[in-house]
Every structure is written in structure tokens, then in C-alpha cells.
């Protein structure tokens, strides 16, 4: 299985503030991305292609229940003329469970809409 991980601008912005505060998060995010290469559809399925993953953080010391939540968007696309599938996992959002209990469906939809709008702009530039 060929898996590509894409990090959205929104995810970068959100992660940046947490990386300053929680020193172990950088390593934990790297390990999480490695695990996505093996199991791209991990976590709780929110919609057919959106998943919520619990991520514990040593810096927070509260385990998965009080750690971070990561929203992923998983899409399978045909990679080549032989119809090989490539799975694209986009990291949409990360949030601290102690700050935000959950993202609403409308917030998640807005993140996906923003992502698709950016991808549309990139296609128009070609």
C-alpha cells in the first residue's frame, strides 16, 4: 500500500503553538505519522473519510484521554494507469482535549472545504 501524508496549513498553525509548550510532541507526532503509513484509517471514524485519533503526550502526563486529538482526512486515489491505489492522509487539525472537547461536524466540513479550495487553486495554476 502506498500512503502519502499531507500536512494542512491549519494543522501546521495549530501544532506550532503546542510544539512550543509540549516538548515531547515533536517526537510523538513523528511516531504518529509513521503509524499512519501502516494504518492510515486509524482512530474513530467520523465520516467515511474523516477520522479522529487520540494521541497521548508524555509532556502532558495524562495519557490518551487527556492528550491531543488529531483529525485526519483519508482519500484513496488511482496512482497510475495500472489502477494502483494511493492513500492520501491529510492531517487537518490537532487540538488539546483539555481545551476543546470536540470539533463540530460543521468545523470539520469547513476544514475539508478549505483544503479542497486550496487544492483547486493549485490545479488552476498548472
N, C-alpha and C. Protein backbone atom coordinates (compact mmCIF):
# COMPACT_ATOMS: atom_id res chain seq x y z
N UNK A 1 0.84 -1.18 0.00
CA UNK A 1 0.00 0.00 0.00
C UNK A 1 0.89 1.24 0.00
N UNK A 2 0.58 2.16 -0.89
CA UNK A 2 1.33 3.40 -0.99
C UNK A 2 0.56 4.49 -0.25
N UNK A 3 1.16 5.05 0.79
CA UNK A 3 0.50 6.06 1.61
C UNK A 3 1.32 7.34 1.58
N UNK A 4 0.62 8.44 1.31
CA UNK A 4 1.24 9.77 1.34
C UNK A 4 0.59 10.57 2.46
N UNK A 5 1.41 11.25 3.25
CA UNK A 5 0.89 12.08 4.33
C UNK A 5 1.07 13.54 3.95
N UNK A 6 -0.04 14.29 4.03
CA UNK A 6 -0.04 15.71 3.71
C UNK A 6 -0.41 16.46 4.98
N UNK A 7 0.31 17.53 5.26
CA UNK A 7 0.02 18.33 6.45
C UNK A 7 -0.60 19.64 5.99
N UNK A 8 -1.84 19.87 6.43
CA UNK A 8 -2.54 21.09 6.03
C UNK A 8 -1.96 22.31 6.74
N UNK A 9 -2.18 23.47 6.14
CA UNK A 9 -1.72 24.72 6.76
C UNK A 9 -2.35 24.91 8.13
N UNK A 10 -3.61 24.55 8.25
CA UNK A 10 -4.31 24.67 9.53
C UNK A 10 -3.63 23.81 10.60
N UNK A 11 -3.28 22.57 10.25
CA UNK A 11 -2.61 21.68 11.19
C UNK A 11 -1.27 22.27 11.61
N UNK A 12 -0.52 22.80 10.65
CA UNK A 12 0.79 23.41 10.97
C UNK A 12 0.64 24.54 11.98
N UNK A 13 -0.35 25.41 11.74
CA UNK A 13 -0.58 26.54 12.66
C UNK A 13 -0.92 26.05 14.07
N UNK A 14 -1.84 25.09 14.13
CA UNK A 14 -2.27 24.60 15.43
C UNK A 14 -1.13 23.87 16.15
N UNK A 15 -0.41 23.04 15.42
CA UNK A 15 0.68 22.26 16.03
C UNK A 15 1.79 23.16 16.53
N UNK A 16 2.04 24.25 15.82
CA UNK A 16 3.14 25.14 16.18
C UNK A 16 3.01 25.64 17.62
N UNK A 17 1.79 26.03 18.01
CA UNK A 17 1.62 26.55 19.37
C UNK A 17 1.80 25.45 20.42
N UNK A 18 1.40 24.22 20.09
CA UNK A 18 1.57 23.12 21.04
C UNK A 18 3.01 22.63 21.11
N UNK A 19 3.73 22.70 19.99
CA UNK A 19 5.13 22.25 19.97
C UNK A 19 5.99 23.11 20.89
N UNK A 20 5.65 24.38 21.02
CA UNK A 20 6.40 25.26 21.92
C UNK A 20 6.15 24.89 23.38
N UNK A 21 4.95 24.48 23.67
CA UNK A 21 4.54 24.23 25.05
C UNK A 21 4.85 22.80 25.52
N UNK A 22 4.74 21.84 24.62
CA UNK A 22 4.91 20.43 24.99
C UNK A 22 6.09 19.84 24.20
N UNK A 23 7.21 19.71 24.87
CA UNK A 23 8.46 19.34 24.21
C UNK A 23 8.45 17.95 23.57
N UNK A 24 7.71 17.02 24.14
CA UNK A 24 7.72 15.65 23.60
C UNK A 24 6.83 15.51 22.36
N UNK A 25 6.04 16.52 22.05
CA UNK A 25 5.06 16.41 20.97
C UNK A 25 5.71 16.19 19.60
N UNK A 26 6.86 16.77 19.36
CA UNK A 26 7.52 16.61 18.06
C UNK A 26 7.80 15.13 17.78
N UNK A 27 8.35 14.44 18.75
CA UNK A 27 8.64 13.01 18.59
C UNK A 27 7.35 12.20 18.48
N UNK A 28 6.35 12.58 19.26
CA UNK A 28 5.09 11.86 19.25
C UNK A 28 4.36 12.02 17.91
N UNK A 29 4.45 13.21 17.32
CA UNK A 29 3.85 13.43 16.00
C UNK A 29 4.59 12.64 14.93
N UNK A 30 5.92 12.57 15.04
CA UNK A 30 6.71 11.80 14.08
C UNK A 30 6.33 10.31 14.16
N UNK A 31 6.18 9.79 15.38
CA UNK A 31 5.78 8.40 15.55
C UNK A 31 4.36 8.17 15.03
N UNK A 32 3.49 9.15 15.24
CA UNK A 32 2.12 9.04 14.74
C UNK A 32 2.11 8.98 13.21
N UNK A 33 2.91 9.82 12.57
CA UNK A 33 2.96 9.80 11.11
C UNK A 33 3.49 8.46 10.60
N UNK A 34 4.46 7.89 11.30
CA UNK A 34 4.97 6.56 10.92
C UNK A 34 3.86 5.52 11.03
N UNK A 35 3.04 5.63 12.08
CA UNK A 35 1.96 4.65 12.25
C UNK A 35 0.90 4.81 11.17
N UNK A 36 0.72 6.03 10.66
CA UNK A 36 -0.25 6.25 9.58
C UNK A 36 0.18 5.55 8.29
N UNK A 37 1.47 5.39 8.08
CA UNK A 37 1.95 4.69 6.89
C UNK A 37 1.53 3.22 6.90
N UNK A 38 1.38 2.67 8.10
CA UNK A 38 0.97 1.27 8.24
C UNK A 38 -0.54 1.15 8.30
N UNK A 39 -1.18 2.06 9.04
CA UNK A 39 -2.63 2.01 9.24
C UNK A 39 -3.21 3.41 9.05
N UNK A 40 -3.49 3.80 7.80
CA UNK A 40 -3.96 5.17 7.54
C UNK A 40 -5.36 5.47 8.07
N UNK A 41 -6.15 4.44 8.32
CA UNK A 41 -7.53 4.66 8.78
C UNK A 41 -7.68 4.34 10.26
N UNK A 42 -6.73 4.79 11.06
CA UNK A 42 -6.81 4.53 12.49
C UNK A 42 -7.65 5.59 13.19
N UNK A 43 -8.12 5.25 14.36
CA UNK A 43 -8.93 6.17 15.13
C UNK A 43 -10.41 5.88 14.97
N UNK A 44 -11.21 6.82 15.43
CA UNK A 44 -12.67 6.70 15.37
C UNK A 44 -13.14 7.34 14.07
N UNK A 45 -13.91 6.58 13.31
CA UNK A 45 -14.45 7.09 12.04
C UNK A 45 -15.55 8.10 12.35
N UNK A 46 -15.39 9.33 11.83
CA UNK A 46 -16.40 10.37 12.00
C UNK A 46 -17.32 10.39 10.79
N UNK A 47 -16.72 10.35 9.61
CA UNK A 47 -17.46 10.18 8.36
C UNK A 47 -16.73 9.09 7.59
N UNK A 48 -17.13 8.87 6.35
CA UNK A 48 -16.49 7.81 5.58
C UNK A 48 -14.99 8.04 5.42
N UNK A 49 -14.56 9.30 5.35
CA UNK A 49 -13.15 9.57 5.10
C UNK A 49 -12.48 10.44 6.18
N UNK A 50 -13.17 10.73 7.27
CA UNK A 50 -12.61 11.55 8.35
C UNK A 50 -12.52 10.71 9.62
N UNK A 51 -11.34 10.80 10.27
CA UNK A 51 -11.09 10.03 11.48
C UNK A 51 -10.57 10.94 12.58
N UNK A 52 -10.91 10.60 13.83
CA UNK A 52 -10.39 11.31 14.99
C UNK A 52 -9.49 10.34 15.75
N UNK A 53 -8.23 10.73 15.94
CA UNK A 53 -7.24 9.88 16.58
C UNK A 53 -6.82 10.50 17.91
N UNK A 54 -6.77 9.67 18.94
CA UNK A 54 -6.29 10.12 20.24
C UNK A 54 -4.78 9.95 20.30
N UNK A 55 -4.08 10.99 20.75
CA UNK A 55 -2.62 10.95 20.84
C UNK A 55 -2.21 11.34 22.25
N UNK A 56 -1.55 10.42 22.94
CA UNK A 56 -1.08 10.74 24.29
C UNK A 56 0.20 11.57 24.18
N UNK A 57 0.49 12.29 25.24
CA UNK A 57 1.70 13.12 25.25
C UNK A 57 2.40 12.97 26.61
N UNK A 58 3.67 12.59 26.56
CA UNK A 58 4.45 12.47 27.79
C UNK A 58 4.52 13.81 28.51
N UNK A 59 4.61 14.88 27.76
CA UNK A 59 4.72 16.22 28.35
C UNK A 59 3.48 16.60 29.16
N UNK A 60 2.33 16.11 28.73
CA UNK A 60 1.09 16.41 29.45
C UNK A 60 0.89 15.46 30.62
N UNK A 61 1.39 14.24 30.49
CA UNK A 61 1.31 13.27 31.57
C UNK A 61 -0.09 12.81 31.91
N UNK A 62 -1.00 12.83 30.94
CA UNK A 62 -2.39 12.44 31.22
C UNK A 62 -2.86 11.27 30.36
N UNK A 63 -1.99 10.64 29.61
CA UNK A 63 -2.38 9.54 28.75
C UNK A 63 -3.23 10.00 27.58
N UNK A 64 -3.85 9.05 26.90
CA UNK A 64 -4.64 9.37 25.71
C UNK A 64 -5.88 10.19 26.04
N UNK A 65 -6.52 9.92 27.19
CA UNK A 65 -7.79 10.59 27.49
C UNK A 65 -7.61 12.10 27.66
N UNK A 66 -6.48 12.53 28.16
CA UNK A 66 -6.25 13.96 28.35
C UNK A 66 -5.24 14.53 27.38
N UNK A 67 -4.91 13.79 26.34
CA UNK A 67 -3.89 14.21 25.39
C UNK A 67 -4.44 15.06 24.27
N UNK A 68 -3.97 14.79 23.09
CA UNK A 68 -4.37 15.55 21.90
C UNK A 68 -5.32 14.74 21.05
N UNK A 69 -6.05 15.44 20.21
CA UNK A 69 -6.89 14.81 19.20
C UNK A 69 -6.41 15.30 17.85
N UNK A 70 -6.31 14.38 16.91
CA UNK A 70 -5.89 14.72 15.56
C UNK A 70 -7.00 14.29 14.61
N UNK A 71 -7.41 15.20 13.74
CA UNK A 71 -8.43 14.91 12.74
C UNK A 71 -7.71 14.64 11.42
N UNK A 72 -7.95 13.46 10.84
CA UNK A 72 -7.34 13.10 9.57
C UNK A 72 -8.42 12.94 8.50
N UNK A 73 -8.02 13.20 7.27
CA UNK A 73 -8.90 13.08 6.11
C UNK A 73 -8.22 12.11 5.16
N UNK A 74 -8.84 10.96 4.93
CA UNK A 74 -8.22 9.88 4.16
C UNK A 74 -8.94 9.70 2.83
N UNK A 75 -8.17 9.80 1.74
CA UNK A 75 -8.73 9.65 0.40
C UNK A 75 -7.86 8.67 -0.38
N UNK A 76 -8.51 7.75 -1.07
CA UNK A 76 -7.78 6.82 -1.93
C UNK A 76 -7.94 7.28 -3.37
N UNK A 77 -6.82 7.43 -4.05
CA UNK A 77 -6.83 7.89 -5.44
C UNK A 77 -6.08 6.90 -6.30
N UNK A 78 -6.43 6.85 -7.59
CA UNK A 78 -5.73 5.98 -8.52
C UNK A 78 -4.41 6.63 -8.86
N UNK A 79 -3.35 5.88 -8.65
CA UNK A 79 -2.00 6.41 -8.77
C UNK A 79 -1.46 6.38 -10.21
N UNK A 80 -1.79 5.34 -10.96
CA UNK A 80 -1.22 5.21 -12.30
C UNK A 80 -2.18 4.46 -13.23
N UNK A 81 -1.72 4.21 -14.44
CA UNK A 81 -2.55 3.56 -15.45
C UNK A 81 -2.86 2.11 -15.11
N UNK A 82 -2.15 1.52 -14.17
CA UNK A 82 -2.41 0.15 -13.74
C UNK A 82 -3.43 0.08 -12.60
N UNK A 83 -4.06 1.21 -12.33
CA UNK A 83 -5.08 1.32 -11.28
C UNK A 83 -4.58 0.98 -9.88
N UNK A 84 -3.30 1.23 -9.62
CA UNK A 84 -2.79 1.09 -8.26
C UNK A 84 -3.33 2.23 -7.42
N UNK A 85 -3.76 1.90 -6.22
CA UNK A 85 -4.32 2.91 -5.34
C UNK A 85 -3.24 3.55 -4.48
N UNK A 86 -3.37 4.84 -4.30
CA UNK A 86 -2.52 5.56 -3.35
C UNK A 86 -3.46 6.15 -2.31
N UNK A 87 -3.11 5.98 -1.07
CA UNK A 87 -3.89 6.54 0.02
C UNK A 87 -3.24 7.85 0.44
N UNK A 88 -4.02 8.92 0.42
CA UNK A 88 -3.53 10.24 0.84
C UNK A 88 -4.19 10.56 2.18
N UNK A 89 -3.37 10.73 3.20
CA UNK A 89 -3.85 11.08 4.53
C UNK A 89 -3.47 12.52 4.80
N UNK A 90 -4.47 13.37 4.98
CA UNK A 90 -4.22 14.78 5.27
C UNK A 90 -4.49 15.03 6.75
N UNK A 91 -3.50 15.59 7.42
CA UNK A 91 -3.67 15.98 8.82
C UNK A 91 -4.38 17.33 8.82
N UNK A 92 -5.64 17.35 9.23
CA UNK A 92 -6.47 18.55 9.17
C UNK A 92 -6.34 19.43 10.40
N UNK A 93 -6.34 18.80 11.58
CA UNK A 93 -6.41 19.58 12.81
C UNK A 93 -5.81 18.80 13.97
N UNK A 94 -5.24 19.55 14.91
CA UNK A 94 -4.80 18.98 16.18
C UNK A 94 -5.30 19.91 17.27
N UNK A 95 -5.82 19.32 18.33
CA UNK A 95 -6.26 20.17 19.44
C UNK A 95 -6.04 19.44 20.76
N UNK A 96 -5.92 20.24 21.79
CA UNK A 96 -5.70 19.75 23.14
C UNK A 96 -7.06 19.40 23.74
N UNK A 97 -7.22 18.17 24.15
CA UNK A 97 -8.50 17.71 24.69
C UNK A 97 -8.92 18.53 25.92
N UNK A 98 -7.96 19.05 26.67
CA UNK A 98 -8.32 19.83 27.85
C UNK A 98 -8.82 21.23 27.48
N UNK A 99 -8.56 21.68 26.25
CA UNK A 99 -9.03 23.00 25.79
C UNK A 99 -10.33 22.91 25.00
N UNK A 100 -10.44 21.88 24.17
CA UNK A 100 -11.59 21.70 23.28
C UNK A 100 -12.06 20.26 23.43
N UNK A 101 -13.33 20.05 23.72
CA UNK A 101 -13.80 18.68 23.90
C UNK A 101 -13.92 17.94 22.57
N UNK A 102 -14.42 18.63 21.54
CA UNK A 102 -14.54 18.01 20.21
C UNK A 102 -14.77 19.09 19.17
N UNK A 103 -14.52 18.76 17.92
CA UNK A 103 -14.84 19.67 16.82
C UNK A 103 -16.21 19.29 16.29
N UNK A 104 -17.00 20.30 15.96
CA UNK A 104 -18.33 20.03 15.42
C UNK A 104 -18.22 19.55 13.98
N UNK A 105 -19.29 18.95 13.49
CA UNK A 105 -19.33 18.50 12.10
C UNK A 105 -19.11 19.67 11.15
N UNK A 106 -19.68 20.83 11.48
CA UNK A 106 -19.53 21.99 10.60
C UNK A 106 -18.09 22.50 10.59
N UNK A 107 -17.40 22.41 11.73
CA UNK A 107 -15.99 22.82 11.76
C UNK A 107 -15.13 21.88 10.91
N UNK A 108 -15.41 20.60 11.01
CA UNK A 108 -14.67 19.62 10.21
C UNK A 108 -14.95 19.82 8.73
N UNK A 109 -16.21 20.04 8.39
CA UNK A 109 -16.58 20.28 6.99
C UNK A 109 -15.87 21.52 6.46
N UNK A 110 -15.77 22.58 7.28
CA UNK A 110 -15.08 23.81 6.86
C UNK A 110 -13.59 23.53 6.60
N UNK A 111 -12.97 22.70 7.42
CA UNK A 111 -11.56 22.35 7.21
C UNK A 111 -11.37 21.62 5.88
N UNK A 112 -12.28 20.70 5.57
CA UNK A 112 -12.21 19.95 4.31
C UNK A 112 -12.47 20.88 3.13
N UNK A 113 -13.46 21.75 3.27
CA UNK A 113 -13.78 22.71 2.19
C UNK A 113 -12.58 23.61 1.91
N UNK A 114 -11.92 24.09 2.98
CA UNK A 114 -10.73 24.94 2.81
C UNK A 114 -9.63 24.17 2.10
N UNK A 115 -9.44 22.92 2.48
CA UNK A 115 -8.42 22.08 1.85
C UNK A 115 -8.71 21.89 0.37
N UNK A 116 -9.96 21.58 0.05
CA UNK A 116 -10.33 21.36 -1.35
C UNK A 116 -10.23 22.65 -2.17
N UNK A 117 -10.51 23.79 -1.55
CA UNK A 117 -10.39 25.07 -2.25
C UNK A 117 -8.92 25.34 -2.59
N UNK A 118 -8.02 25.05 -1.66
CA UNK A 118 -6.59 25.24 -1.90
C UNK A 118 -6.11 24.30 -3.00
N UNK A 119 -6.55 23.03 -2.96
CA UNK A 119 -6.16 22.08 -4.00
C UNK A 119 -6.68 22.53 -5.36
N UNK A 120 -7.87 23.09 -5.39
CA UNK A 120 -8.44 23.60 -6.64
C UNK A 120 -7.62 24.74 -7.20
N UNK A 121 -7.13 25.62 -6.33
CA UNK A 121 -6.29 26.74 -6.77
C UNK A 121 -4.98 26.22 -7.35
N UNK A 122 -4.40 25.18 -6.71
CA UNK A 122 -3.15 24.62 -7.22
C UNK A 122 -3.35 24.01 -8.59
N UNK A 123 -4.49 23.37 -8.83
CA UNK A 123 -4.79 22.77 -10.12
C UNK A 123 -4.97 23.85 -11.18
N UNK A 124 -5.58 24.97 -10.81
CA UNK A 124 -5.79 26.07 -11.76
C UNK A 124 -4.47 26.68 -12.21
N UNK A 125 -3.44 26.62 -11.36
CA UNK A 125 -2.15 27.23 -11.68
C UNK A 125 -1.38 26.44 -12.72
N UNK A 126 -1.69 25.20 -12.95
CA UNK A 126 -0.92 24.33 -13.85
C UNK A 126 -1.15 24.68 -15.29
